[in-house]
């Protein structure tokens, strides 16, 4: 809040659908949604909506006759947009729709249900992709902003897990982590359940190392921790006697090879299927 003479003044920045923000000052700290729309020149008023942009980037609709309190909040940000349109866009391979021209990075993340360790990027034809923060506001009516992709936060080595793999793992309930060491990137599936009575452990962590050029190139073997021994036999499965050190841990190497790989089609879903098959069919 600011004082002009003896009269309190309450500023708010109001944007139109083209994201042109203009400063407006109200004498009363409580304004109605229709007053915000009128201040932005939205006519007819009942065909527009006022949307408060919260500090974290989330959106909050302000109804026409709802009182919105500016007192003590400082300079607020509000969008005014027509309410009779919808805008379609993609995040990764998902087709989504939003009933406003404007949307924030925070809302995009919520719609895509992205994990906290994933960033959102806007694909811009002919230009470099743009990283979207929670508080960024994007105009979906602009040409070329209808496609977004998600990528895991970069590791210290600069590698990233493709969003297709992340979506697969998340949708199928896998707990996982990405570990980088000496230029190598590994995906660790944590506490993967094992077939009952098959081994001397009920769960194990599984490591899949991603080769340079993945996902066009195929991962090869996989690794488990702790070391697995066939229950009742006291023997390790065939071709599982070699140890491998990665990420500060000792892993049991499972030498299972498959040269059939389809770039653009296969991914971690293929490797996880191979892992599950190998664990199920393991024998001495």
C-alpha atoms as a PDB file:
ATOM      1  CA  UNK A   1       0.000   0.000   0.000  1.00  0.00           C
ATOM      2  CA  UNK A   2       1.156   3.525  -0.800  1.00  0.00           C
ATOM      3  CA  UNK A   3       0.011   6.908   0.487  1.00  0.00           C
ATOM      4  CA  UNK A   4      -0.702   9.861  -1.760  1.00  0.00           C
ATOM      5  CA  UNK A   5      -1.324  12.829   0.510  1.00  0.00           C
ATOM      6  CA  UNK A   6      -3.625  11.498   3.212  1.00  0.00           C
ATOM      7  CA  UNK A   7      -5.381   9.028   0.901  1.00  0.00           C
ATOM      8  CA  UNK A   8      -4.338   5.345   0.839  1.00  0.00           C
ATOM      9  CA  UNK A   9      -3.645   4.053  -2.665  1.00  0.00           C
ATOM     10  CA  UNK A  10      -3.685   0.373  -3.578  1.00  0.00           C
ATOM     11  CA  UNK A  11      -1.812  -0.614  -6.771  1.00  0.00           C
ATOM     12  CA  UNK A  12      -2.511  -3.627  -8.939  1.00  0.00           C
ATOM     13  CA  UNK A  13      -1.012  -4.629 -12.286  1.00  0.00           C
ATOM     14  CA  UNK A  14      -3.707  -5.854 -14.669  1.00  0.00           C
ATOM     15  CA  UNK A  15      -2.887  -7.663 -17.915  1.00  0.00           C
ATOM     16  CA  UNK A  16      -5.013  -8.188 -20.995  1.00  0.00           C
ATOM     17  CA  UNK A  17      -4.966 -11.396 -23.062  1.00  0.00           C
ATOM     18  CA  UNK A  18      -1.786 -10.236 -24.797  1.00  0.00           C
ATOM     19  CA  UNK A  19      -0.060 -10.081 -21.402  1.00  0.00           C
ATOM     20  CA  UNK A  20       0.299  -6.327 -21.501  1.00  0.00           C
ATOM     21  CA  UNK A  21       0.415  -5.347 -17.833  1.00  0.00           C
ATOM     22  CA  UNK A  22      -0.721  -1.866 -16.820  1.00  0.00           C
ATOM     23  CA  UNK A  23      -0.664  -0.389 -13.371  1.00  0.00           C
ATOM     24  CA  UNK A  24      -4.003   0.615 -11.865  1.00  0.00           C
ATOM     25  CA  UNK A  25      -4.511   2.242  -8.484  1.00  0.00           C
ATOM     26  CA  UNK A  26      -7.641   1.859  -6.367  1.00  0.00           C
ATOM     27  CA  UNK A  27      -8.711   3.995  -3.423  1.00  0.00           C
ATOM     28  CA  UNK A  28     -10.467   1.085  -1.737  1.00  0.00           C
ATOM     29  CA  UNK A  29      -8.409  -1.991  -0.763  1.00  0.00           C
ATOM     30  CA  UNK A  30     -11.351  -4.264  -1.591  1.00  0.00           C
ATOM     31  CA  UNK A  31     -12.275  -4.402  -5.256  1.00  0.00           C
ATOM     32  CA  UNK A  32     -14.751  -6.581  -7.105  1.00  0.00           C
ATOM     33  CA  UNK A  33     -13.867  -8.835  -9.973  1.00  0.00           C
ATOM     34  CA  UNK A  34     -16.004  -6.711 -12.296  1.00  0.00           C
ATOM     35  CA  UNK A  35     -14.081  -3.590 -11.250  1.00  0.00           C
ATOM     36  CA  UNK A  36     -10.811  -5.229 -12.231  1.00  0.00           C
ATOM     37  CA  UNK A  37     -12.308  -6.242 -15.584  1.00  0.00           C
ATOM     38  CA  UNK A  38     -13.663  -2.746 -16.204  1.00  0.00           C
ATOM     39  CA  UNK A  39     -10.280  -1.222 -15.329  1.00  0.00           C
ATOM     40  CA  UNK A  40      -8.693  -3.405 -18.010  1.00  0.00           C
ATOM     41  CA  UNK A  41     -11.341  -2.401 -20.571  1.00  0.00           C
ATOM     42  CA  UNK A  42     -13.015  -5.798 -20.709  1.00  0.00           C
ATOM     43  CA  UNK A  43     -16.453  -5.451 -22.312  1.00  0.00           C
ATOM     44  CA  UNK A  44     -18.956  -6.964 -21.988  1.00  0.00           C
ATOM     45  CA  UNK A  45     -17.911  -7.579 -18.388  1.00  0.00           C
ATOM     46  CA  UNK A  46     -19.846 -10.830 -18.017  1.00  0.00           C
ATOM     47  CA  UNK A  47     -17.915 -12.358 -20.927  1.00  0.00           C
ATOM     48  CA  UNK A  48     -14.609 -11.861 -19.137  1.00  0.00           C
ATOM     49  CA  UNK A  49     -12.950 -13.311 -16.084  1.00  0.00           C
ATOM     50  CA  UNK A  50     -10.454 -11.825 -13.634  1.00  0.00           C
ATOM     51  CA  UNK A  51      -7.660 -14.160 -12.528  1.00  0.00           C
ATOM     52  CA  UNK A  52      -5.326 -13.391  -9.640  1.00  0.00           C
ATOM     53  CA  UNK A  53      -1.724 -14.531 -10.126  1.00  0.00           C
ATOM     54  CA  UNK A  54      -0.567 -15.775  -6.734  1.00  0.00           C
ATOM     55  CA  UNK A  55       3.067 -15.357  -5.586  1.00  0.00           C
ATOM     56  CA  UNK A  56       3.853 -19.021  -6.353  1.00  0.00           C
ATOM     57  CA  UNK A  57       2.510 -18.684  -9.903  1.00  0.00           C
ATOM     58  CA  UNK A  58      -0.812 -20.399  -9.254  1.00  0.00           C
ATOM     59  CA  UNK A  59      -4.029 -18.908 -10.648  1.00  0.00           C
ATOM     60  CA  UNK A  60      -7.140 -18.013  -8.676  1.00  0.00           C
ATOM     61  CA  UNK A  61     -10.381 -16.960 -10.348  1.00  0.00           C
ATOM     62  CA  UNK A  62     -12.075 -13.851  -8.958  1.00  0.00           C
ATOM     63  CA  UNK A  63     -15.842 -13.959  -9.468  1.00  0.00           C
ATOM     64  CA  UNK A  64     -17.542 -10.855 -10.847  1.00  0.00           C
ATOM     65  CA  UNK A  65     -19.091  -9.860  -7.512  1.00  0.00           C
ATOM     66  CA  UNK A  66     -16.369 -11.313  -5.327  1.00  0.00           C
ATOM     67  CA  UNK A  67     -14.383  -8.872  -3.203  1.00  0.00           C
ATOM     68  CA  UNK A  68     -10.634  -9.168  -3.673  1.00  0.00           C
ATOM     69  CA  UNK A  69      -8.577  -7.654  -0.843  1.00  0.00           C
ATOM     70  CA  UNK A  70      -5.509  -5.658  -1.904  1.00  0.00           C
ATOM     71  CA  UNK A  71      -4.713  -4.459   1.592  1.00  0.00           C
ATOM     72  CA  UNK A  72      -1.215  -5.321   2.750  1.00  0.00           C
ATOM     73  CA  UNK A  73      -0.380  -7.396  -0.317  1.00  0.00           C
ATOM     74  CA  UNK A  74       1.684  -4.854  -2.220  1.00  0.00           C
ATOM     75  CA  UNK A  75       1.371  -4.668  -6.001  1.00  0.00           C
ATOM     76  CA  UNK A  76      -0.847  -7.539  -7.132  1.00  0.00           C
ATOM     77  CA  UNK A  77      -0.939  -9.118 -10.573  1.00  0.00           C
ATOM     78  CA  UNK A  78      -4.271  -9.912 -12.230  1.00  0.00           C
ATOM     79  CA  UNK A  79      -5.161 -11.241 -15.676  1.00  0.00           C
ATOM     80  CA  UNK A  80      -8.349 -10.285 -17.489  1.00  0.00           C
ATOM     81  CA  UNK A  81      -9.386 -12.661 -20.275  1.00  0.00           C
ATOM     82  CA  UNK A  82     -12.461 -13.655 -22.232  1.00  0.00           C
ATOM     83  CA  UNK A  83     -14.240 -16.661 -20.757  1.00  0.00           C
ATOM     84  CA  UNK A  84     -15.838 -18.042 -23.940  1.00  0.00           C
ATOM     85  CA  UNK A  85     -12.735 -19.613 -25.499  1.00  0.00           C
ATOM     86  CA  UNK A  86     -10.548 -22.653 -24.917  1.00  0.00           C
ATOM     87  CA  UNK A  87      -6.972 -23.328 -25.967  1.00  0.00           C
ATOM     88  CA  UNK A  88      -5.435 -26.688 -26.791  1.00  0.00           C
ATOM     89  CA  UNK A  89      -1.772 -27.552 -26.289  1.00  0.00           C
ATOM     90  CA  UNK A  90       0.546 -30.479 -25.639  1.00  0.00           C
ATOM     91  CA  UNK A  91       2.822 -31.319 -22.740  1.00  0.00           C
ATOM     92  CA  UNK A  92       5.008 -34.201 -23.874  1.00  0.00           C
ATOM     93  CA  UNK A  93       2.510 -36.544 -25.587  1.00  0.00           C
ATOM     94  CA  UNK A  94      -0.540 -35.452 -23.574  1.00  0.00           C
ATOM     95  CA  UNK A  95      -3.251 -33.347 -25.243  1.00  0.00           C
ATOM     96  CA  UNK A  96      -4.510 -30.712 -22.804  1.00  0.00           C
ATOM     97  CA  UNK A  97      -6.959 -27.824 -22.846  1.00  0.00           C
ATOM     98  CA  UNK A  98      -7.204 -24.591 -20.859  1.00  0.00           C
ATOM     99  CA  UNK A  99     -10.164 -22.161 -20.864  1.00  0.00           C
ATOM    100  CA  UNK A 100      -7.965 -19.061 -20.923  1.00  0.00           C
ATOM    101  CA  UNK A 101      -5.477 -17.576 -23.346  1.00  0.00           C
ATOM    102  CA  UNK A 102      -2.992 -17.094 -20.517  1.00  0.00           C
ATOM    103  CA  UNK A 103      -1.523 -19.756 -18.296  1.00  0.00           C
ATOM    104  CA  UNK A 104       1.346 -19.821 -15.802  1.00  0.00           C
ATOM    105  CA  UNK A 105       4.208 -22.270 -15.520  1.00  0.00           C
ATOM    106  CA  UNK A 106       2.823 -23.359 -12.148  1.00  0.00           C
ATOM    107  CA  UNK A 107      -0.548 -24.258 -13.665  1.00  0.00           C
ATOM    108  CA  UNK A 108       1.107 -26.063 -16.583  1.00  0.00           C
ATOM    109  CA  UNK A 109       3.071 -28.166 -14.105  1.00  0.00           C
ATOM    110  CA  UNK A 110      -0.101 -29.003 -12.184  1.00  0.00           C
ATOM    111  CA  UNK A 111      -1.937 -30.017 -15.348  1.00  0.00           C
ATOM    112  CA  UNK A 112       0.969 -32.248 -16.399  1.00  0.00           C
ATOM    113  CA  UNK A 113       1.373 -33.654 -12.851  1.00  0.00           C
ATOM    114  CA  UNK A 114       5.130 -33.194 -13.082  1.00  0.00           C
ATOM    115  CA  UNK A 115       7.340 -34.384 -10.215  1.00  0.00           C
ATOM    116  CA  UNK A 116       9.197 -31.659  -8.350  1.00  0.00           C
ATOM    117  CA  UNK A 117      12.524 -32.620  -9.938  1.00  0.00           C
ATOM    118  CA  UNK A 118      11.297 -31.996 -13.494  1.00  0.00           C
ATOM    119  CA  UNK A 119      11.509 -28.770 -15.455  1.00  0.00           C
ATOM    120  CA  UNK A 120       9.140 -27.588 -18.154  1.00  0.00           C
ATOM    121  CA  UNK A 121      10.373 -26.279 -21.494  1.00  0.00           C
ATOM    122  CA  UNK A 122       8.503 -24.454 -24.236  1.00  0.00           C
ATOM    123  CA  UNK A 123       9.275 -25.539 -27.782  1.00  0.00           C
ATOM    124  CA  UNK A 124       9.692 -22.462 -29.993  1.00  0.00           C
ATOM    125  CA  UNK A 125       9.972 -23.188 -33.741  1.00  0.00           C
ATOM    126  CA  UNK A 126      13.244 -21.942 -35.186  1.00  0.00           C
ATOM    127  CA  UNK A 127      14.594 -20.948 -31.776  1.00  0.00           C
ATOM    128  CA  UNK A 128      16.103 -22.554 -28.696  1.00  0.00           C
ATOM    129  CA  UNK A 129      13.628 -24.098 -26.277  1.00  0.00           C
ATOM    130  CA  UNK A 130      12.735 -21.821 -23.376  1.00  0.00           C
ATOM    131  CA  UNK A 131      12.764 -23.013 -19.777  1.00  0.00           C
ATOM    132  CA  UNK A 132       9.471 -22.154 -18.022  1.00  0.00           C
ATOM    133  CA  UNK A 133       9.457 -21.152 -14.358  1.00  0.00           C
ATOM    134  CA  UNK A 134       6.416 -21.371 -12.100  1.00  0.00           C
ATOM    135  CA  UNK A 135       5.830 -17.628 -12.207  1.00  0.00           C
ATOM    136  CA  UNK A 136       6.160 -17.260 -15.985  1.00  0.00           C
ATOM    137  CA  UNK A 137       2.894 -16.446 -17.758  1.00  0.00           C
ATOM    138  CA  UNK A 138       2.449 -17.776 -21.294  1.00  0.00           C
ATOM    139  CA  UNK A 139      -0.045 -16.593 -23.907  1.00  0.00           C
ATOM    140  CA  UNK A 140      -1.461 -19.719 -25.544  1.00  0.00           C
ATOM    141  CA  UNK A 141      -2.992 -17.592 -28.303  1.00  0.00           C
ATOM    142  CA  UNK A 142       0.458 -16.798 -29.697  1.00  0.00           C
ATOM    143  CA  UNK A 143       1.604 -18.878 -32.650  1.00  0.00           C
ATOM    144  CA  UNK A 144       4.035 -21.649 -31.766  1.00  0.00           C
ATOM    145  CA  UNK A 145       3.547 -21.853 -27.991  1.00  0.00           C
ATOM    146  CA  UNK A 146       1.192 -24.810 -27.984  1.00  0.00           C
ATOM    147  CA  UNK A 147       3.841 -27.480 -27.293  1.00  0.00           C
ATOM    148  CA  UNK A 148       5.822 -28.077 -24.103  1.00  0.00           C
ATOM    149  CA  UNK A 149       8.189 -30.834 -22.977  1.00  0.00           C
ATOM    150  CA  UNK A 150       9.356 -31.907 -19.535  1.00  0.00           C
ATOM    151  CA  UNK A 151      12.871 -32.935 -18.591  1.00  0.00           C
ATOM    152  CA  UNK A 152      14.373 -34.058 -15.331  1.00  0.00           C
ATOM    153  CA  UNK A 153      16.709 -31.578 -13.653  1.00  0.00           C
ATOM    154  CA  UNK A 154      20.130 -31.926 -15.178  1.00  0.00           C
ATOM    155  CA  UNK A 155      22.651 -33.993 -13.266  1.00  0.00           C
ATOM    156  CA  UNK A 156      26.140 -32.723 -12.511  1.00  0.00           C
ATOM    157  CA  UNK A 157      27.320 -34.335 -15.730  1.00  0.00           C
ATOM    158  CA  UNK A 158      24.661 -32.576 -17.809  1.00  0.00           C
ATOM    159  CA  UNK A 159      22.636 -35.668 -18.696  1.00  0.00           C
ATOM    160  CA  UNK A 160      18.847 -35.797 -18.618  1.00  0.00           C
ATOM    161  CA  UNK A 161      16.233 -38.527 -18.561  1.00  0.00           C
ATOM    162  CA  UNK A 162      13.800 -38.233 -21.507  1.00  0.00           C
ATOM    163  CA  UNK A 163      10.313 -37.218 -20.422  1.00  0.00           C
ATOM    164  CA  UNK A 164       8.852 -40.320 -22.126  1.00  0.00           C
ATOM    165  CA  UNK A 165      10.816 -42.503 -19.689  1.00  0.00           C
ATOM    166  CA  UNK A 166       9.858 -40.366 -16.705  1.00  0.00           C
ATOM    167  CA  UNK A 167       6.173 -40.588 -17.638  1.00  0.00           C
ATOM    168  CA  UNK A 168       6.415 -44.368 -17.993  1.00  0.00           C
ATOM    169  CA  UNK A 169       8.124 -44.845 -14.626  1.00  0.00           C
ATOM    170  CA  UNK A 170       5.794 -42.459 -12.789  1.00  0.00           C
ATOM    171  CA  UNK A 171       2.626 -43.846 -14.382  1.00  0.00           C
ATOM    172  CA  UNK A 172       3.624 -47.393 -13.412  1.00  0.00           C
ATOM    173  CA  UNK A 173       4.440 -46.502  -9.820  1.00  0.00           C
ATOM    174  CA  UNK A 174       8.203 -47.039  -9.913  1.00  0.00           C
ATOM    175  CA  UNK A 175      10.347 -45.240  -7.363  1.00  0.00           C
ATOM    176  CA  UNK A 176      13.585 -44.231  -9.046  1.00  0.00           C
ATOM    177  CA  UNK A 177      16.581 -41.942  -8.929  1.00  0.00           C
ATOM    178  CA  UNK A 178      19.045 -40.696 -11.521  1.00  0.00           C
ATOM    179  CA  UNK A 179      22.716 -41.027 -10.599  1.00  0.00           C
ATOM    180  CA  UNK A 180      25.656 -39.670 -12.580  1.00  0.00           C
ATOM    181  CA  UNK A 181      29.233 -40.806 -12.112  1.00  0.00           C
ATOM    182  CA  UNK A 182      32.309 -40.245 -14.278  1.00  0.00           C
ATOM    183  CA  UNK A 183      30.227 -39.314 -17.305  1.00  0.00           C
ATOM    184  CA  UNK A 184      27.895 -42.304 -16.923  1.00  0.00           C
ATOM    185  CA  UNK A 185      24.213 -41.955 -16.109  1.00  0.00           C
ATOM    186  CA  UNK A 186      22.334 -44.667 -14.271  1.00  0.00           C
ATOM    187  CA  UNK A 187      18.643 -45.101 -13.487  1.00  0.00           C
ATOM    188  CA  UNK A 188      18.087 -46.893 -10.191  1.00  0.00           C
ATOM    189  CA  UNK A 189      14.706 -48.525  -9.639  1.00  0.00           C
ATOM    190  CA  UNK A 190      14.431 -48.745  -5.875  1.00  0.00           C
ATOM    191  CA  UNK A 191      12.956 -51.675  -3.928  1.00  0.00           C
ATOM    192  CA  UNK A 192      11.692 -53.567  -6.969  1.00  0.00           C
ATOM    193  CA  UNK A 193       9.518 -56.475  -5.739  1.00  0.00           C
ATOM    194  CA  UNK A 194      10.846 -59.941  -6.592  1.00  0.00           C
ATOM    195  CA  UNK A 195       8.932 -63.154  -7.211  1.00  0.00           C
ATOM    196  CA  UNK A 196       7.902 -64.737  -3.912  1.00  0.00           C
ATOM    197  CA  UNK A 197      10.311 -67.460  -2.829  1.00  0.00           C
ATOM    198  CA  UNK A 198      12.563 -67.009  -5.863  1.00  0.00           C
ATOM    199  CA  UNK A 199      15.563 -65.361  -4.198  1.00  0.00           C
ATOM    200  CA  UNK A 200      17.015 -64.791  -0.760  1.00  0.00           C
ATOM    201  CA  UNK A 201      15.544 -61.252  -0.789  1.00  0.00           C
ATOM    202  CA  UNK A 202      12.010 -59.999  -1.367  1.00  0.00           C
ATOM    203  CA  UNK A 203      13.076 -56.732  -3.071  1.00  0.00           C
ATOM    204  CA  UNK A 204      16.166 -55.357  -4.769  1.00  0.00           C
ATOM    205  CA  UNK A 205      17.383 -52.137  -6.351  1.00  0.00           C
ATOM    206  CA  UNK A 206      17.955 -52.376 -10.098  1.00  0.00           C
ATOM    207  CA  UNK A 207      20.515 -50.249 -11.954  1.00  0.00           C
ATOM    208  CA  UNK A 208      20.194 -49.558 -15.682  1.00  0.00           C
ATOM    209  CA  UNK A 209      23.125 -47.696 -17.223  1.00  0.00           C
ATOM    210  CA  UNK A 210      22.235 -45.421 -20.136  1.00  0.00           C
ATOM    211  CA  UNK A 211      24.789 -45.461 -22.958  1.00  0.00           C
ATOM    212  CA  UNK A 212      25.960 -42.366 -24.801  1.00  0.00           C
ATOM    213  CA  UNK A 213      23.383 -41.656 -27.477  1.00  0.00           C
ATOM    214  CA  UNK A 214      20.445 -43.059 -25.515  1.00  0.00           C
ATOM    215  CA  UNK A 215      17.550 -43.365 -26.335  1.00  0.00           C
ATOM    216  CA  UNK A 216      18.715 -44.029 -29.909  1.00  0.00           C
ATOM    217  CA  UNK A 217      21.217 -46.533 -28.530  1.00  0.00           C
ATOM    218  CA  UNK A 218      20.253 -49.516 -26.421  1.00  0.00           C
ATOM    219  CA  UNK A 219      21.276 -50.137 -22.794  1.00  0.00           C
ATOM    220  CA  UNK A 220      22.947 -53.521 -22.432  1.00  0.00           C
ATOM    221  CA  UNK A 221      23.076 -55.381 -19.115  1.00  0.00           C
ATOM    222  CA  UNK A 222      21.495 -54.492 -15.799  1.00  0.00           C
ATOM    223  CA  UNK A 223      22.671 -54.676 -12.211  1.00  0.00           C
ATOM    224  CA  UNK A 224      21.037 -55.450  -8.864  1.00  0.00           C
ATOM    225  CA  UNK A 225      21.763 -54.697  -5.224  1.00  0.00           C
ATOM    226  CA  UNK A 226      21.966 -56.526  -2.912  1.00  0.00           C
ATOM    227  CA  UNK A 227      23.462 -59.602  -4.539  1.00  0.00           C
ATOM    228  CA  UNK A 228      20.737 -62.144  -5.269  1.00  0.00           C
ATOM    229  CA  UNK A 229      21.025 -65.866  -4.542  1.00  0.00           C
ATOM    230  CA  UNK A 230      18.457 -68.449  -5.634  1.00  0.00           C
ATOM    231  CA  UNK A 231      16.417 -69.513  -2.622  1.00  0.00           C
ATOM    232  CA  UNK A 232      16.932 -73.106  -1.483  1.00  0.00           C
ATOM    233  CA  UNK A 233      19.941 -73.588  -3.735  1.00  0.00           C
ATOM    234  CA  UNK A 234      22.508 -71.170  -2.354  1.00  0.00           C
ATOM    235  CA  UNK A 235      23.673 -70.390  -5.880  1.00  0.00           C
ATOM    236  CA  UNK A 236      23.745 -67.156  -7.818  1.00  0.00           C
ATOM    237  CA  UNK A 237      21.832 -67.198 -11.120  1.00  0.00           C
ATOM    238  CA  UNK A 238      23.673 -68.001 -14.331  1.00  0.00           C
ATOM    239  CA  UNK A 239      25.897 -65.187 -15.692  1.00  0.00           C
ATOM    240  CA  UNK A 240      25.521 -63.124 -12.505  1.00  0.00           C
ATOM    241  CA  UNK A 241      28.869 -63.638 -10.789  1.00  0.00           C
ATOM    242  CA  UNK A 242      30.628 -60.374 -11.707  1.00  0.00           C
ATOM    243  CA  UNK A 243      30.550 -57.325  -9.408  1.00  0.00           C
ATOM    244  CA  UNK A 244      30.191 -53.765 -10.678  1.00  0.00           C
ATOM    245  CA  UNK A 245      30.914 -50.573  -8.755  1.00  0.00           C
ATOM    246  CA  UNK A 246      28.709 -47.544  -9.389  1.00  0.00           C
ATOM    247  CA  UNK A 247      27.387 -44.692  -7.294  1.00  0.00           C
ATOM    248  CA  UNK A 248      29.361 -45.763  -4.254  1.00  0.00           C
ATOM    249  CA  UNK A 249      27.718 -49.188  -4.229  1.00  0.00           C
ATOM    250  CA  UNK A 250      28.607 -52.733  -5.273  1.00  0.00           C
ATOM    251  CA  UNK A 251      26.192 -54.217  -7.795  1.00  0.00           C
ATOM    252  CA  UNK A 252      25.649 -57.758  -9.079  1.00  0.00           C
ATOM    253  CA  UNK A 253      25.929 -57.709 -12.861  1.00  0.00           C
ATOM    254  CA  UNK A 254      23.274 -59.582 -14.796  1.00  0.00           C
ATOM    255  CA  UNK A 255      24.743 -60.317 -18.231  1.00  0.00           C
ATOM    256  CA  UNK A 256      21.643 -60.284 -20.363  1.00  0.00           C
ATOM    257  CA  UNK A 257      22.093 -59.029 -23.919  1.00  0.00           C
ATOM    258  CA  UNK A 258      19.581 -58.103 -26.595  1.00  0.00           C
ATOM    259  CA  UNK A 259      20.558 -56.309 -29.795  1.00  0.00           C
ATOM    260  CA  UNK A 260      16.975 -55.772 -30.964  1.00  0.00           C
ATOM    261  CA  UNK A 261      16.403 -52.057 -30.336  1.00  0.00           C
ATOM    262  CA  UNK A 262      14.025 -49.713 -32.168  1.00  0.00           C
ATOM    263  CA  UNK A 263      15.116 -46.057 -31.935  1.00  0.00           C
ATOM    264  CA  UNK A 264      12.119 -43.833 -31.307  1.00  0.00           C
ATOM    265  CA  UNK A 265      10.068 -46.768 -30.011  1.00  0.00           C
ATOM    266  CA  UNK A 266      12.025 -48.585 -27.311  1.00  0.00           C
ATOM    267  CA  UNK A 267      13.021 -46.975 -24.044  1.00  0.00           C
ATOM    268  CA  UNK A 268      13.081 -47.731 -20.337  1.00  0.00           C
ATOM    269  CA  UNK A 269       9.776 -49.562 -20.674  1.00  0.00           C
ATOM    270  CA  UNK A 270      11.652 -52.067 -22.866  1.00  0.00           C
ATOM    271  CA  UNK A 271      14.511 -52.427 -20.399  1.00  0.00           C
ATOM    272  CA  UNK A 272      12.196 -52.828 -17.420  1.00  0.00           C
ATOM    273  CA  UNK A 273      10.352 -55.595 -19.270  1.00  0.00           C
ATOM    274  CA  UNK A 274      13.688 -57.310 -19.942  1.00  0.00           C
ATOM    275  CA  UNK A 275      14.670 -56.954 -16.295  1.00  0.00           C
ATOM    276  CA  UNK A 276      11.406 -58.443 -15.050  1.00  0.00           C
ATOM    277  CA  UNK A 277      11.648 -61.328 -17.514  1.00  0.00           C
ATOM    278  CA  UNK A 278      15.242 -62.081 -16.571  1.00  0.00           C
ATOM    279  CA  UNK A 279      14.455 -62.051 -12.844  1.00  0.00           C
ATOM    280  CA  UNK A 280      11.441 -64.298 -13.342  1.00  0.00           C
ATOM    281  CA  UNK A 281      13.327 -66.815 -15.500  1.00  0.00           C
ATOM    282  CA  UNK A 282      16.586 -66.808 -13.503  1.00  0.00           C
ATOM    283  CA  UNK A 283      18.127 -70.207 -12.832  1.00  0.00           C
ATOM    284  CA  UNK A 284      21.492 -71.607 -11.864  1.00  0.00           C
END
